[in-house]
Amino acid sequence: MNYTEEQLEQIEKFASIYLKISDMATVLDVPAEVLRWDISQRETEVSKRYHKGKAASKVKLLSQEMLLAQVGSPLAVENAHRNLMDMEDDE
């Protein structure tokens, strides 16, 4: 499916707030199975925008968690350690 620039911007924004694909589809008036398929095709612009929005928020969350870990939050320290292990596993 062809998406307008406005739709792509909305998809990136929705992904950044972790809105479910089925809800995105409802708002965009696109069949959920079509949107889900398009997002699963990594070379499409819609997939790139979806993953960019999702990753941008993940960066913010991980940054906040690292700040909390640095001031001694036990849960944040544990989560930061797990994030580090996940990162190393992905290398």
C-alpha atoms as a PDB file:
ATOM      1  CA  MET A   1       0.000   0.000   0.000  1.00  0.00           C
ATOM      2  CA  ASN A   2       1.138   3.562  -0.632  1.00  0.00           C
ATOM      3  CA  TYR A   3       1.189   5.822   2.409  1.00  0.00           C
ATOM      4  CA  THR A   4       1.140   9.598   2.350  1.00  0.00           C
ATOM      5  CA  GLU A   5       3.830  11.561   4.143  1.00  0.00           C
ATOM      6  CA  GLU A   6       1.209  12.544   6.725  1.00  0.00           C
ATOM      7  CA  GLN A   7       0.348   8.886   7.363  1.00  0.00           C
ATOM      8  CA  LEU A   8       4.034   7.990   7.670  1.00  0.00           C
ATOM      9  CA  GLU A   9       4.521  10.781  10.210  1.00  0.00           C
ATOM     10  CA  GLN A  10       1.506   9.549  12.167  1.00  0.00           C
ATOM     11  CA  ILE A  11       2.788   5.967  12.135  1.00  0.00           C
ATOM     12  CA  GLU A  12       6.173   7.102  13.448  1.00  0.00           C
ATOM     13  CA  LYS A  13       4.463   9.152  16.168  1.00  0.00           C
ATOM     14  CA  PHE A  14       2.108   6.311  17.099  1.00  0.00           C
ATOM     15  CA  ALA A  15       4.992   3.845  17.279  1.00  0.00           C
ATOM     16  CA  SER A  16       6.853   6.253  19.553  1.00  0.00           C
ATOM     17  CA  ILE A  17       4.018   5.990  22.093  1.00  0.00           C
ATOM     18  CA  TYR A  18       3.786   2.212  21.613  1.00  0.00           C
ATOM     19  CA  LEU A  19       0.308   2.279  20.097  1.00  0.00           C
ATOM     20  CA  LYS A  20      -0.685  -1.182  18.888  1.00  0.00           C
ATOM     21  CA  ILE A  21      -0.687  -1.728  15.129  1.00  0.00           C
ATOM     22  CA  SER A  22      -4.377  -2.642  15.216  1.00  0.00           C
ATOM     23  CA  ASP A  23      -5.164   0.730  16.832  1.00  0.00           C
ATOM     24  CA  MET A  24      -2.954   2.572  14.343  1.00  0.00           C
ATOM     25  CA  ALA A  25      -4.837   0.889  11.537  1.00  0.00           C
ATOM     26  CA  THR A  26      -8.167   1.973  12.991  1.00  0.00           C
ATOM     27  CA  VAL A  27      -7.061   5.602  13.261  1.00  0.00           C
ATOM     28  CA  LEU A  28      -5.557   5.552   9.757  1.00  0.00           C
ATOM     29  CA  ASP A  29      -8.556   3.687   8.290  1.00  0.00           C
ATOM     30  CA  VAL A  30      -6.295   0.954   6.915  1.00  0.00           C
ATOM     31  CA  PRO A  31      -6.928  -2.781   7.316  1.00  0.00           C
ATOM     32  CA  ALA A  32      -4.821  -3.980  10.253  1.00  0.00           C
ATOM     33  CA  GLU A  33      -3.527  -7.003   8.358  1.00  0.00           C
ATOM     34  CA  VAL A  34      -2.295  -4.733   5.539  1.00  0.00           C
ATOM     35  CA  LEU A  35      -0.520  -2.358   7.910  1.00  0.00           C
ATOM     36  CA  ARG A  36       0.966  -5.264   9.858  1.00  0.00           C
ATOM     37  CA  TRP A  37       2.243  -6.851   6.626  1.00  0.00           C
ATOM     38  CA  ASP A  38       3.692  -3.573   5.344  1.00  0.00           C
ATOM     39  CA  ILE A  39       5.506  -3.015   8.640  1.00  0.00           C
ATOM     40  CA  SER A  40       6.896  -6.552   8.550  1.00  0.00           C
ATOM     41  CA  GLN A  41       8.555  -5.812   5.184  1.00  0.00           C
ATOM     42  CA  ARG A  42      11.722  -4.120   6.469  1.00  0.00           C
ATOM     43  CA  GLU A  43      12.587  -2.363   3.207  1.00  0.00           C
ATOM     44  CA  THR A  44       9.336  -0.363   3.087  1.00  0.00           C
ATOM     45  CA  GLU A  45       9.201   3.245   4.214  1.00  0.00           C
ATOM     46  CA  VAL A  46       6.321   2.458   6.558  1.00  0.00           C
ATOM     47  CA  SER A  47       8.422  -0.204   8.292  1.00  0.00           C
ATOM     48  CA  LYS A  48      11.367   2.165   8.607  1.00  0.00           C
ATOM     49  CA  ARG A  49       9.181   4.898  10.116  1.00  0.00           C
ATOM     50  CA  TYR A  50       7.478   2.479  12.513  1.00  0.00           C
ATOM     51  CA  HIS A  51      10.794   1.128  13.787  1.00  0.00           C
ATOM     52  CA  LYS A  52      12.335   4.603  13.948  1.00  0.00           C
ATOM     53  CA  GLY A  53       9.501   5.872  16.136  1.00  0.00           C
ATOM     54  CA  LYS A  54       9.680   2.850  18.388  1.00  0.00           C
ATOM     55  CA  ALA A  55      13.470   3.072  18.723  1.00  0.00           C
ATOM     56  CA  ALA A  56      13.400   6.812  19.460  1.00  0.00           C
ATOM     57  CA  SER A  57      11.221   6.229  22.503  1.00  0.00           C
ATOM     58  CA  LYS A  58      13.302   3.281  23.576  1.00  0.00           C
ATOM     59  CA  VAL A  59      16.360   5.566  23.562  1.00  0.00           C
ATOM     60  CA  LYS A  60      14.537   8.010  25.844  1.00  0.00           C
ATOM     61  CA  LEU A  61      13.466   5.257  28.232  1.00  0.00           C
ATOM     62  CA  LEU A  62      16.915   3.697  28.408  1.00  0.00           C
ATOM     63  CA  SER A  63      18.469   7.118  28.998  1.00  0.00           C
ATOM     64  CA  GLN A  64      16.096   7.769  31.888  1.00  0.00           C
ATOM     65  CA  GLU A  65      16.784   4.355  33.319  1.00  0.00           C
ATOM     66  CA  MET A  66      20.545   4.933  33.126  1.00  0.00           C
ATOM     67  CA  LEU A  67      20.157   8.231  34.979  1.00  0.00           C
ATOM     68  CA  LEU A  68      18.210   6.457  37.712  1.00  0.00           C
ATOM     69  CA  ALA A  69      20.848   3.719  37.882  1.00  0.00           C
ATOM     70  CA  GLN A  70      23.589   6.314  38.253  1.00  0.00           C
ATOM     71  CA  VAL A  71      21.874   7.774  41.320  1.00  0.00           C
ATOM     72  CA  GLY A  72      21.500   4.349  42.866  1.00  0.00           C
ATOM     73  CA  SER A  73      18.031   3.003  42.092  1.00  0.00           C
ATOM     74  CA  PRO A  74      18.388  -0.762  42.678  1.00  0.00           C
ATOM     75  CA  LEU A  75      15.751  -1.655  40.092  1.00  0.00           C
ATOM     76  CA  ALA A  76      17.290   0.698  37.524  1.00  0.00           C
ATOM     77  CA  VAL A  77      20.745  -0.782  38.173  1.00  0.00           C
ATOM     78  CA  GLU A  78      19.348  -4.271  37.618  1.00  0.00           C
ATOM     79  CA  ASN A  79      17.556  -3.175  34.439  1.00  0.00           C
ATOM     80  CA  ALA A  80      20.663  -1.361  33.158  1.00  0.00           C
ATOM     81  CA  HIS A  81      22.693  -4.516  33.688  1.00  0.00           C
ATOM     82  CA  ARG A  82      20.100  -6.561  31.781  1.00  0.00           C
ATOM     83  CA  ASN A  83      20.114  -3.952  28.996  1.00  0.00           C
ATOM     84  CA  LEU A  84      23.902  -4.222  28.794  1.00  0.00           C
ATOM     85  CA  MET A  85      23.708  -8.008  28.548  1.00  0.00           C
ATOM     86  CA  ASP A  86      21.054  -7.694  25.811  1.00  0.00           C
ATOM     87  CA  MET A  87      23.280  -5.254  23.974  1.00  0.00           C
ATOM     88  CA  GLU A  88      26.283  -7.553  24.165  1.00  0.00           C
ATOM     89  CA  ASP A  89      24.186 -10.499  22.999  1.00  0.00           C
ATOM     90  CA  ASP A  90      23.188  -8.433  19.958  1.00  0.00           C
ATOM     91  CA  GLU A  91      26.803  -7.667  18.975  1.00  0.00           C
END
